[in-house]
Amino acid sequence: MSKKADARCIPYPNNFFDVVVASFVLHMIYKNRDSAFKEMIRVLKPKGRFTIIEPPKAFKWKINGDLKRKLEDFGLKNVKFTPIKINYPKKRNVYAIYGEKK
């Protein structure tokens, strides 16, 4: 099952998915990025897993401070950040950000 939708208005009911993954998506959302975070967490089941992978420049906030608090405020727990080196399309660092819905 797949649907094309705006990440800020996901057309699924609350607590629908066991896992939400977004790779290289959020850095393309310039307005109301918080709405995308809230929507991804809204459709996630309690204890569901949340993962995003983004380049560091995607976030205005300090990765380990502001963003962690923001995601916790939106309903995640056990938020962790892992730097990852990738070689596609060129060598660069990205962050994998993990959490679990409360």
PDB file of N, CA and C in Angstrom:
ATOM      1  N   MET A   1       0.851  -1.161   0.000  1.00  0.00           N
ATOM      2  CA  MET A   1       0.000   0.000   0.000  1.00  0.00           C
ATOM      3  C   MET A   1       0.904   1.233   0.000  1.00  0.00           C
ATOM      4  N   SER A   2       0.689   2.117  -0.934  1.00  0.00           N
ATOM      5  CA  SER A   2       1.456   3.356  -0.919  1.00  0.00           C
ATOM      6  C   SER A   2       0.588   4.498  -1.419  1.00  0.00           C
ATOM      7  N   LYS A   3       0.856   5.663  -0.886  1.00  0.00           N
ATOM      8  CA  LYS A   3       0.171   6.883  -1.288  1.00  0.00           C
ATOM      9  C   LYS A   3       1.207   7.985  -1.355  1.00  0.00           C
ATOM     10  N   LYS A   4       1.029   8.857  -2.297  1.00  0.00           N
ATOM     11  CA  LYS A   4       1.887  10.031  -2.374  1.00  0.00           C
ATOM     12  C   LYS A   4       1.200  11.132  -1.573  1.00  0.00           C
ATOM     13  N   ALA A   5       1.954  11.753  -0.660  1.00  0.00           N
ATOM     14  CA  ALA A   5       1.350  12.773   0.198  1.00  0.00           C
ATOM     15  C   ALA A   5       2.407  13.735   0.710  1.00  0.00           C
ATOM     16  N   ASP A   6       1.958  14.851   1.158  1.00  0.00           N
ATOM     17  CA  ASP A   6       2.815  15.841   1.807  1.00  0.00           C
ATOM     18  C   ASP A   6       3.149  15.322   3.204  1.00  0.00           C
ATOM     19  N   ALA A   7       4.402  15.365   3.584  1.00  0.00           N
ATOM     20  CA  ALA A   7       4.822  14.876   4.907  1.00  0.00           C
ATOM     21  C   ALA A   7       4.183  15.673   6.034  1.00  0.00           C
ATOM     22  N   ARG A   8       3.667  16.856   5.734  1.00  0.00           N
ATOM     23  CA  ARG A   8       3.037  17.692   6.760  1.00  0.00           C
ATOM     24  C   ARG A   8       1.554  17.390   6.914  1.00  0.00           C
ATOM     25  N   CYS A   9       1.041  16.465   6.099  1.00  0.00           N
ATOM     26  CA  CYS A   9      -0.378  16.092   6.158  1.00  0.00           C
ATOM     27  C   CYS A   9      -0.497  14.653   5.647  1.00  0.00           C
ATOM     28  N   ILE A  10      -0.131  13.702   6.471  1.00  0.00           N
ATOM     29  CA  ILE A  10      -0.081  12.294   6.075  1.00  0.00           C
ATOM     30  C   ILE A  10      -1.495  11.703   6.130  1.00  0.00           C
ATOM     31  N   PRO A  11      -1.984  11.113   5.013  1.00  0.00           N
ATOM     32  CA  PRO A  11      -3.374  10.651   4.935  1.00  0.00           C
ATOM     33  C   PRO A  11      -3.618   9.266   5.554  1.00  0.00           C
ATOM     34  N   TYR A  12      -3.171   9.082   6.758  1.00  0.00           N
ATOM     35  CA  TYR A  12      -3.410   7.851   7.498  1.00  0.00           C
ATOM     36  C   TYR A  12      -3.871   8.219   8.899  1.00  0.00           C
ATOM     37  N   PRO A  13      -4.624   7.319   9.540  1.00  0.00           N
ATOM     38  CA  PRO A  13      -5.110   7.623  10.890  1.00  0.00           C
ATOM     39  C   PRO A  13      -3.994   7.581  11.937  1.00  0.00           C
ATOM     40  N   ASN A  14      -4.300   8.096  13.096  1.00  0.00           N
ATOM     41  CA  ASN A  14      -3.376   8.050  14.234  1.00  0.00           C
ATOM     42  C   ASN A  14      -2.986   6.602  14.530  1.00  0.00           C
ATOM     43  N   ASN A  15      -1.748   6.415  15.001  1.00  0.00           N
ATOM     44  CA  ASN A  15      -1.292   5.106  15.489  1.00  0.00           C
ATOM     45  C   ASN A  15      -1.439   3.992  14.444  1.00  0.00           C
ATOM     46  N   PHE A  16      -1.090   4.271  13.205  1.00  0.00           N
ATOM     47  CA  PHE A  16      -1.310   3.337  12.105  1.00  0.00           C
ATOM     48  C   PHE A  16      -0.091   2.467  11.790  1.00  0.00           C
ATOM     49  N   PHE A  17       1.110   3.034  11.866  1.00  0.00           N
ATOM     50  CA  PHE A  17       2.319   2.338  11.430  1.00  0.00           C
ATOM     51  C   PHE A  17       3.180   1.871  12.602  1.00  0.00           C
ATOM     52  N   ASP A  18       3.836   0.724  12.412  1.00  0.00           N
ATOM     53  CA  ASP A  18       4.806   0.225  13.388  1.00  0.00           C
ATOM     54  C   ASP A  18       6.137   0.953  13.259  1.00  0.00           C
ATOM     55  N   VAL A  19       6.466   1.384  12.049  1.00  0.00           N
ATOM     56  CA  VAL A  19       7.751   2.024  11.759  1.00  0.00           C
ATOM     57  C   VAL A  19       7.518   3.186  10.793  1.00  0.00           C
ATOM     58  N   VAL A  20       8.222   4.276  11.029  1.00  0.00           N
ATOM     59  CA  VAL A  20       8.241   5.403  10.096  1.00  0.00           C
ATOM     60  C   VAL A  20       9.699   5.688   9.761  1.00  0.00           C
ATOM     61  N   VAL A  21      10.008   5.718   8.459  1.00  0.00           N
ATOM     62  CA  VAL A  21      11.367   6.000   7.993  1.00  0.00           C
ATOM     63  C   VAL A  21      11.300   7.111   6.951  1.00  0.00           C
ATOM     64  N   ALA A  22      12.166   8.095   7.103  1.00  0.00           N
ATOM     65  CA  ALA A  22      12.279   9.167   6.105  1.00  0.00           C
ATOM     66  C   ALA A  22      13.765   9.364   5.819  1.00  0.00           C
ATOM     67  N   SER A  23      14.150   9.136   4.579  1.00  0.00           N
ATOM     68  CA  SER A  23      15.557   9.289   4.188  1.00  0.00           C
ATOM     69  C   SER A  23      15.692  10.414   3.176  1.00  0.00           C
ATOM     70  N   PHE A  24      16.473  11.403   3.541  1.00  0.00           N
ATOM     71  CA  PHE A  24      16.766  12.529   2.653  1.00  0.00           C
ATOM     72  C   PHE A  24      15.491  13.203   2.142  1.00  0.00           C
ATOM     73  N   VAL A  25      14.542  13.378   3.055  1.00  0.00           N
ATOM     74  CA  VAL A  25      13.269  14.019   2.726  1.00  0.00           C
ATOM     75  C   VAL A  25      13.134  15.363   3.426  1.00  0.00           C
ATOM     76  N   LEU A  26      13.412  15.396   4.710  1.00  0.00           N
ATOM     77  CA  LEU A  26      13.110  16.585   5.516  1.00  0.00           C
ATOM     78  C   LEU A  26      13.902  17.812   5.109  1.00  0.00           C
ATOM     79  N   HIS A  27      15.090  17.633   4.565  1.00  0.00           N
ATOM     80  CA  HIS A  27      15.865  18.809   4.162  1.00  0.00           C
ATOM     81  C   HIS A  27      15.237  19.509   2.959  1.00  0.00           C
ATOM     82  N   MET A  28      14.271  18.853   2.314  1.00  0.00           N
ATOM     83  CA  MET A  28      13.560  19.471   1.200  1.00  0.00           C
ATOM     84  C   MET A  28      12.309  20.229   1.652  1.00  0.00           C
ATOM     85  N   ILE A  29      11.962  20.112   2.916  1.00  0.00           N
ATOM     86  CA  ILE A  29      10.794  20.820   3.458  1.00  0.00           C
ATOM     87  C   ILE A  29      11.297  22.104   4.097  1.00  0.00           C
ATOM     88  N   TYR A  30      10.948  23.220   3.500  1.00  0.00           N
ATOM     89  CA  TYR A  30      11.467  24.501   3.973  1.00  0.00           C
ATOM     90  C   TYR A  30      10.526  25.192   4.951  1.00  0.00           C
ATOM     91  N   LYS A  31       9.230  24.960   4.801  1.00  0.00           N
ATOM     92  CA  LYS A  31       8.249  25.608   5.669  1.00  0.00           C
ATOM     93  C   LYS A  31       7.589  24.563   6.557  1.00  0.00           C
ATOM     94  N   ASN A  32       7.409  24.897   7.804  1.00  0.00           N
ATOM     95  CA  ASN A  32       6.685  24.042   8.746  1.00  0.00           C
ATOM     96  C   ASN A  32       7.255  22.632   8.868  1.00  0.00           C
ATOM     97  N   ARG A  33       8.579  22.541   8.984  1.00  0.00           N
ATOM     98  CA  ARG A  33       9.215  21.230   9.154  1.00  0.00           C
ATOM     99  C   ARG A  33       8.714  20.547  10.425  1.00  0.00           C
ATOM    100  N   ASP A  34       8.401  21.339  11.443  1.00  0.00           N
ATOM    101  CA  ASP A  34       7.867  20.751  12.673  1.00  0.00           C
ATOM    102  C   ASP A  34       6.583  19.972  12.402  1.00  0.00           C
ATOM    103  N   SER A  35       5.770  20.453  11.473  1.00  0.00           N
ATOM    104  CA  SER A  35       4.531  19.748  11.124  1.00  0.00           C
ATOM    105  C   SER A  35       4.828  18.360  10.576  1.00  0.00           C
ATOM    106  N   ALA A  36       5.893  18.228   9.812  1.00  0.00           N
ATOM    107  CA  ALA A  36       6.267  16.916   9.277  1.00  0.00           C
ATOM    108  C   ALA A  36       6.676  15.975  10.411  1.00  0.00           C
ATOM    109  N   PHE A  37       7.476  16.470  11.347  1.00  0.00           N
ATOM    110  CA  PHE A  37       7.844  15.644  12.504  1.00  0.00           C
ATOM    111  C   PHE A  37       6.591  15.207  13.260  1.00  0.00           C
ATOM    112  N   LYS A  38       5.707  16.145  13.536  1.00  0.00           N
ATOM    113  CA  LYS A  38       4.490  15.840  14.294  1.00  0.00           C
ATOM    114  C   LYS A  38       3.625  14.816  13.570  1.00  0.00           C
ATOM    115  N   GLU A  39       3.499  14.950  12.253  1.00  0.00           N
ATOM    116  CA  GLU A  39       2.691  14.014  11.472  1.00  0.00           C
ATOM    117  C   GLU A  39       3.292  12.613  11.479  1.00  0.00           C
ATOM    118  N   MET A  40       4.600  12.513  11.311  1.00  0.00           N
ATOM    119  CA  MET A  40       5.237  11.195  11.323  1.00  0.00           C
ATOM    120  C   MET A  40       5.041  10.516  12.673  1.00  0.00           C
ATOM    121  N   ILE A  41       5.105  11.284  13.728  1.00  0.00           N
ATOM    122  CA  ILE A  41       4.917  10.724  15.064  1.00  0.00           C
ATOM    123  C   ILE A  41       3.442  10.406  15.305  1.00  0.00           C
ATOM    124  N   ARG A  42       2.550  11.213  14.791  1.00  0.00           N
ATOM    125  CA  ARG A  42       1.102  10.989  14.949  1.00  0.00           C
ATOM    126  C   ARG A  42       0.684   9.645  14.356  1.00  0.00           C
ATOM    127  N   VAL A  43       1.183   9.302  13.172  1.00  0.00           N
ATOM    128  CA  VAL A  43       0.763   8.057  12.511  1.00  0.00           C
ATOM    129  C   VAL A  43       1.506   6.825  13.036  1.00  0.00           C
ATOM    130  N   LEU A  44       2.453   7.030  13.906  1.00  0.00           N
ATOM    131  CA  LEU A  44       3.237   5.944  14.491  1.00  0.00           C
ATOM    132  C   LEU A  44       2.505   5.354  15.698  1.00  0.00           C
ATOM    133  N   LYS A  45       2.464   4.041  15.768  1.00  0.00           N
ATOM    134  CA  LYS A  45       1.842   3.374  16.915  1.00  0.00           C
ATOM    135  C   LYS A  45       2.672   3.610  18.170  1.00  0.00           C
ATOM    136  N   PRO A  46       2.041   3.542  19.361  1.00  0.00           N
ATOM    137  CA  PRO A  46       2.827   3.603  20.592  1.00  0.00           C
ATOM    138  C   PRO A  46       3.902   2.507  20.573  1.00  0.00           C
ATOM    139  N   LYS A  47       5.080   2.864  20.983  1.00  0.00           N
ATOM    140  CA  LYS A  47       6.266   2.007  20.962  1.00  0.00           C
ATOM    141  C   LYS A  47       6.770   1.739  19.542  1.00  0.00           C
ATOM    142  N   GLY A  48       6.180   2.406  18.557  1.00  0.00           N
ATOM    143  CA  GLY A  48       6.649   2.280  17.182  1.00  0.00           C
ATOM    144  C   GLY A  48       7.989   2.968  17.013  1.00  0.00           C
ATOM    145  N   ARG A  49       8.720   2.574  15.996  1.00  0.00           N
ATOM    146  CA  ARG A  49      10.077   3.097  15.773  1.00  0.00           C
ATOM    147  C   ARG A  49      10.089   4.169  14.689  1.00  0.00           C
ATOM    148  N   PHE A  50      10.885   5.182  14.965  1.00  0.00           N
ATOM    149  CA  PHE A  50      11.010   6.361  14.110  1.00  0.00           C
ATOM    150  C   PHE A  50      12.464   6.480  13.683  1.00  0.00           C
ATOM    151  N   THR A  51      12.718   6.615  12.389  1.00  0.00           N
ATOM    152  CA  THR A  51      14.088   6.793  11.893  1.00  0.00           C
ATOM    153  C   THR A  51      14.083   7.810  10.768  1.00  0.00           C
ATOM    154  N   ILE A  52      14.991   8.767  10.860  1.00  0.00           N
ATOM    155  CA  ILE A  52      15.219   9.670   9.737  1.00  0.00           C
ATOM    156  C   ILE A  52      16.715   9.712   9.460  1.00  0.00           C
ATOM    157  N   ILE A  53      17.051   9.881   8.204  1.00  0.00           N
ATOM    158  CA  ILE A  53      18.448  10.017   7.793  1.00  0.00           C
ATOM    159  C   ILE A  53      18.545  11.297   6.986  1.00  0.00           C
ATOM    160  N   GLU A  54      19.388  12.201   7.453  1.00  0.00           N
ATOM    161  CA  GLU A  54      19.502  13.517   6.831  1.00  0.00           C
ATOM    162  C   GLU A  54      20.934  14.033   6.936  1.00  0.00           C
ATOM    163  N   PRO A  55      21.329  14.890   6.004  1.00  0.00           N
ATOM    164  CA  PRO A  55      22.629  15.555   6.142  1.00  0.00           C
ATOM    165  C   PRO A  55      22.569  16.562   7.286  1.00  0.00           C
ATOM    166  N   PRO A  56      23.688  16.833   7.947  1.00  0.00           N
ATOM    167  CA  PRO A  56      23.690  17.757   9.087  1.00  0.00           C
ATOM    168  C   PRO A  56      23.157  19.145   8.746  1.00  0.00           C
ATOM    169  N   LYS A  57      23.366  19.590   7.531  1.00  0.00           N
ATOM    170  CA  LYS A  57      22.909  20.926   7.144  1.00  0.00           C
ATOM    171  C   LYS A  57      21.390  21.036   7.101  1.00  0.00           C
ATOM    172  N   ALA A  58      20.692  19.908   7.159  1.00  0.00           N
ATOM    173  CA  ALA A  58      19.232  19.921   7.093  1.00  0.00           C
ATOM    174  C   ALA A  58      18.603  20.536   8.331  1.00  0.00           C
ATOM    175  N   PHE A  59      19.368  20.616   9.400  1.00  0.00           N
ATOM    176  CA  PHE A  59      18.800  21.057  10.665  1.00  0.00           C
ATOM    177  C   PHE A  59      19.399  22.370  11.116  1.00  0.00           C
ATOM    178  N   LYS A  60      18.530  23.289  11.473  1.00  0.00           N
ATOM    179  CA  LYS A  60      18.974  24.574  12.014  1.00  0.00           C
ATOM    180  C   LYS A  60      19.388  24.414  13.474  1.00  0.00           C
ATOM    181  N   TRP A  61      18.868  23.400  14.122  1.00  0.00           N
ATOM    182  CA  TRP A  61      19.070  23.225  15.545  1.00  0.00           C
ATOM    183  C   TRP A  61      20.354  22.468  15.810  1.00  0.00           C
ATOM    184  N   LYS A  62      20.807  22.549  17.036  1.00  0.00           N
ATOM    185  CA  LYS A  62      21.936  21.719  17.451  1.00  0.00           C
ATOM    186  C   LYS A  62      21.430  20.284  17.498  1.00  0.00           C
ATOM    187  N   ILE A  63      22.094  19.423  16.782  1.00  0.00           N
ATOM    188  CA  ILE A  63      21.635  18.042  16.623  1.00  0.00           C
ATOM    189  C   ILE A  63      21.373  17.348  17.957  1.00  0.00           C
ATOM    190  N   ASN A  64      22.313  17.367  18.875  1.00  0.00           N
ATOM    191  CA  ASN A  64      22.148  16.599  20.109  1.00  0.00           C
ATOM    192  C   ASN A  64      21.402  17.329  21.208  1.00  0.00           C
ATOM    193  N   GLY A  65      21.056  18.579  21.024  1.00  0.00           N
ATOM    194  CA  GLY A  65      20.360  19.317  22.064  1.00  0.00           C
ATOM    195  C   GLY A  65      18.965  19.714  21.639  1.00  0.00           C
ATOM    196  N   ASP A  66      18.880  20.748  20.827  1.00  0.00           N
ATOM    197  CA  ASP A  66      17.588  21.299  20.445  1.00  0.00           C
ATOM    198  C   ASP A  66      16.707  20.282  19.724  1.00  0.00           C
ATOM    199  N   LEU A  67      17.256  19.584  18.746  1.00  0.00           N
ATOM    200  CA  LEU A  67      16.444  18.639  17.986  1.00  0.00           C
ATOM    201  C   LEU A  67      15.988  17.474  18.857  1.00  0.00           C
ATOM    202  N   LYS A  68      16.845  16.994  19.723  1.00  0.00           N
ATOM    203  CA  LYS A  68      16.472  15.902  20.634  1.00  0.00           C
ATOM    204  C   LYS A  68      15.304  16.328  21.513  1.00  0.00           C
ATOM    205  N   ARG A  69      15.397  17.522  22.102  1.00  0.00           N
ATOM    206  CA  ARG A  69      14.303  18.027  22.945  1.00  0.00           C
ATOM    207  C   ARG A  69      13.019  18.202  22.136  1.00  0.00           C
ATOM    208  N   LYS A  70      13.157  18.712  20.939  1.00  0.00           N
ATOM    209  CA  LYS A  70      11.993  18.935  20.082  1.00  0.00           C
ATOM    210  C   LYS A  70      11.285  17.607  19.787  1.00  0.00           C
ATOM    211  N   LEU A  71      12.024  16.586  19.404  1.00  0.00           N
ATOM    212  CA  LEU A  71      11.421  15.290  19.106  1.00  0.00           C
ATOM    213  C   LEU A  71      10.795  14.665  20.347  1.00  0.00           C
ATOM    214  N   GLU A  72      11.418  14.843  21.494  1.00  0.00           N
ATOM    215  CA  GLU A  72      10.839  14.350  22.746  1.00  0.00           C
ATOM    216  C   GLU A  72       9.548  15.100  23.064  1.00  0.00           C
ATOM    217  N   ASP A  73       9.529  16.401  22.844  1.00  0.00           N
ATOM    218  CA  ASP A  73       8.312  17.190  23.065  1.00  0.00           C
ATOM    219  C   ASP A  73       7.182  16.743  22.141  1.00  0.00           C
ATOM    220  N   PHE A  74       7.534  16.280  20.942  1.00  0.00           N
ATOM    221  CA  PHE A  74       6.534  15.833  19.973  1.00  0.00           C
ATOM    222  C   PHE A  74       6.058  14.406  20.237  1.00  0.00           C
ATOM    223  N   GLY A  75       6.661  13.704  21.203  1.00  0.00           N
ATOM    224  CA  GLY A  75       6.152  12.389  21.579  1.00  0.00           C
ATOM    225  C   GLY A  75       7.093  11.216  21.421  1.00  0.00           C
ATOM    226  N   LEU A  76       8.388  11.474  21.214  1.00  0.00           N
ATOM    227  CA  LEU A  76       9.343  10.372  21.119  1.00  0.00           C
ATOM    228  C   LEU A  76      10.108  10.202  22.421  1.00  0.00           C
ATOM    229  N   LYS A  77      10.657   9.024  22.615  1.00  0.00           N
ATOM    230  CA  LYS A  77      11.571   8.763  23.725  1.00  0.00           C
ATOM    231  C   LYS A  77      12.764   8.006  23.165  1.00  0.00           C
ATOM    232  N   ASN A  78      13.799   7.888  23.971  1.00  0.00           N
ATOM    233  CA  ASN A  78      15.026   7.183  23.571  1.00  0.00           C
ATOM    234  C   ASN A  78      15.592   7.712  22.251  1.00  0.00           C
ATOM    235  N   VAL A  79      15.569   9.027  22.091  1.00  0.00           N
ATOM    236  CA  VAL A  79      16.067   9.641  20.857  1.00  0.00           C
ATOM    237  C   VAL A  79      17.591   9.560  20.834  1.00  0.00           C
ATOM    238  N   LYS A  80      18.115   9.037  19.728  1.00  0.00           N
ATOM    239  CA  LYS A  80      19.564   8.887  19.574  1.00  0.00           C
ATOM    240  C   LYS A  80      19.986   9.388  18.198  1.00  0.00           C
ATOM    241  N   PHE A  81      21.212   9.867  18.125  1.00  0.00           N
ATOM    242  CA  PHE A  81      21.785  10.384  16.885  1.00  0.00           C
ATOM    243  C   PHE A  81      23.052   9.607  16.581  1.00  0.00           C
ATOM    244  N   THR A  82      23.158   9.105  15.373  1.00  0.00           N
ATOM    245  CA  THR A  82      24.337   8.361  14.965  1.00  0.00           C
ATOM    246  C   THR A  82      24.888   8.958  13.681  1.00  0.00           C
ATOM    247  N   PRO A  83      26.133   9.461  13.712  1.00  0.00           N
ATOM    248  CA  PRO A  83      26.727   9.940  12.465  1.00  0.00           C
ATOM    249  C   PRO A  83      27.108   8.746  11.589  1.00  0.00           C
ATOM    250  N   ILE A  84      26.874   8.895  10.294  1.00  0.00           N
ATOM    251  CA  ILE A  84      27.170   7.835   9.338  1.00  0.00           C
ATOM    252  C   ILE A  84      27.923   8.447   8.162  1.00  0.00           C
ATOM    253  N   LYS A  85      28.980   7.778   7.728  1.00  0.00           N
ATOM    254  CA  LYS A  85      29.693   8.215   6.522  1.00  0.00           C
ATOM    255  C   LYS A  85      29.159   7.410   5.348  1.00  0.00           C
ATOM    256  N   ILE A  86      28.783   8.122   4.284  1.00  0.00           N
ATOM    257  CA  ILE A  86      28.312   7.439   3.085  1.00  0.00           C
ATOM    258  C   ILE A  86      29.178   7.854   1.899  1.00  0.00           C
ATOM    259  N   ASN A  87      29.176   7.057   0.866  1.00  0.00           N
ATOM    260  CA  ASN A  87      29.975   7.335  -0.328  1.00  0.00           C
ATOM    261  C   ASN A  87      29.121   7.580  -1.564  1.00  0.00           C
ATOM    262  N   TYR A  88      27.831   7.789  -1.387  1.00  0.00           N
ATOM    263  CA  TYR A  88      26.959   8.001  -2.536  1.00  0.00           C
ATOM    264  C   TYR A  88      26.133   9.241  -2.330  1.00  0.00           C
ATOM    265  N   PRO A  89      26.020  10.148  -3.254  1.00  0.00           N
ATOM    266  CA  PRO A  89      26.732  10.207  -4.527  1.00  0.00           C
ATOM    267  C   PRO A  89      28.168  10.682  -4.367  1.00  0.00           C
ATOM    268  N   LYS A  90      28.515  11.175  -3.212  1.00  0.00           N
ATOM    269  CA  LYS A  90      29.900  11.542  -2.911  1.00  0.00           C
ATOM    270  C   LYS A  90      30.120  11.290  -1.429  1.00  0.00           C
ATOM    271  N   LYS A  91      31.360  11.332  -0.993  1.00  0.00           N
ATOM    272  CA  LYS A  91      31.639  11.104   0.425  1.00  0.00           C
ATOM    273  C   LYS A  91      31.077  12.257   1.245  1.00  0.00           C
ATOM    274  N   ARG A  92      30.318  11.897   2.266  1.00  0.00           N
ATOM    275  CA  ARG A  92      29.788  12.912   3.172  1.00  0.00           C
ATOM    276  C   ARG A  92      29.266  12.245   4.430  1.00  0.00           C
ATOM    277  N   ASN A  93      29.010  13.070   5.414  1.00  0.00           N
ATOM    278  CA  ASN A  93      28.433  12.589   6.661  1.00  0.00           C
ATOM    279  C   ASN A  93      26.939  12.863   6.665  1.00  0.00           C
ATOM    280  N   VAL A  94      26.202  11.956   7.247  1.00  0.00           N
ATOM    281  CA  VAL A  94      24.776  12.146   7.474  1.00  0.00           C
ATOM    282  C   VAL A  94      24.491  11.710   8.906  1.00  0.00           C
ATOM    283  N   TYR A  95      23.308  12.010   9.370  1.00  0.00           N
ATOM    284  CA  TYR A  95      22.886  11.555  10.686  1.00  0.00           C
ATOM    285  C   TYR A  95      21.701  10.617  10.551  1.00  0.00           C
ATOM    286  N   ALA A  96      21.748   9.519  11.277  1.00  0.00           N
ATOM    287  CA  ALA A  96      20.582   8.666  11.469  1.00  0.00           C
ATOM    288  C   ALA A  96      20.039   9.049  12.838  1.00  0.00           C
ATOM    289  N   ILE A  97      18.786   9.391  12.867  1.00  0.00           N
ATOM    290  CA  ILE A  97      18.144   9.838  14.102  1.00  0.00           C
ATOM    291  C   ILE A  97      17.037   8.835  14.413  1.00  0.00           C
ATOM    292  N   TYR A  98      17.141   8.217  15.572  1.00  0.00           N
ATOM    293  CA  TYR A  98      16.232   7.152  15.967  1.00  0.00           C
ATOM    294  C   TYR A  98      15.420   7.579  17.177  1.00  0.00           C
ATOM    295  N   GLY A  99      14.230   7.011  17.288  1.00  0.00           N
ATOM    296  CA  GLY A  99      13.425   7.227  18.477  1.00  0.00           C
ATOM    297  C   GLY A  99      12.296   6.216  18.524  1.00  0.00           C
ATOM    298  N   GLU A 100      11.586   6.244  19.627  1.00  0.00           N
ATOM    299  CA  GLU A 100      10.451   5.355  19.832  1.00  0.00           C
ATOM    300  C   GLU A 100       9.302   6.204  20.354  1.00  0.00           C
ATOM    301  N   LYS A 101       8.099   5.939  19.846  1.00  0.00           N
ATOM    302  CA  LYS A 101       6.949   6.709  20.314  1.00  0.00           C
ATOM    303  C   LYS A 101       6.606   6.309  21.742  1.00  0.00           C
ATOM    304  N   LYS A 102       6.305   7.310  22.551  1.00  0.00           N
ATOM    305  CA  LYS A 102       5.949   7.064  23.962  1.00  0.00           C
ATOM    306  C   LYS A 102       4.661   6.274  24.063  1.00  0.00           C
TER     307      LYS A 102
END
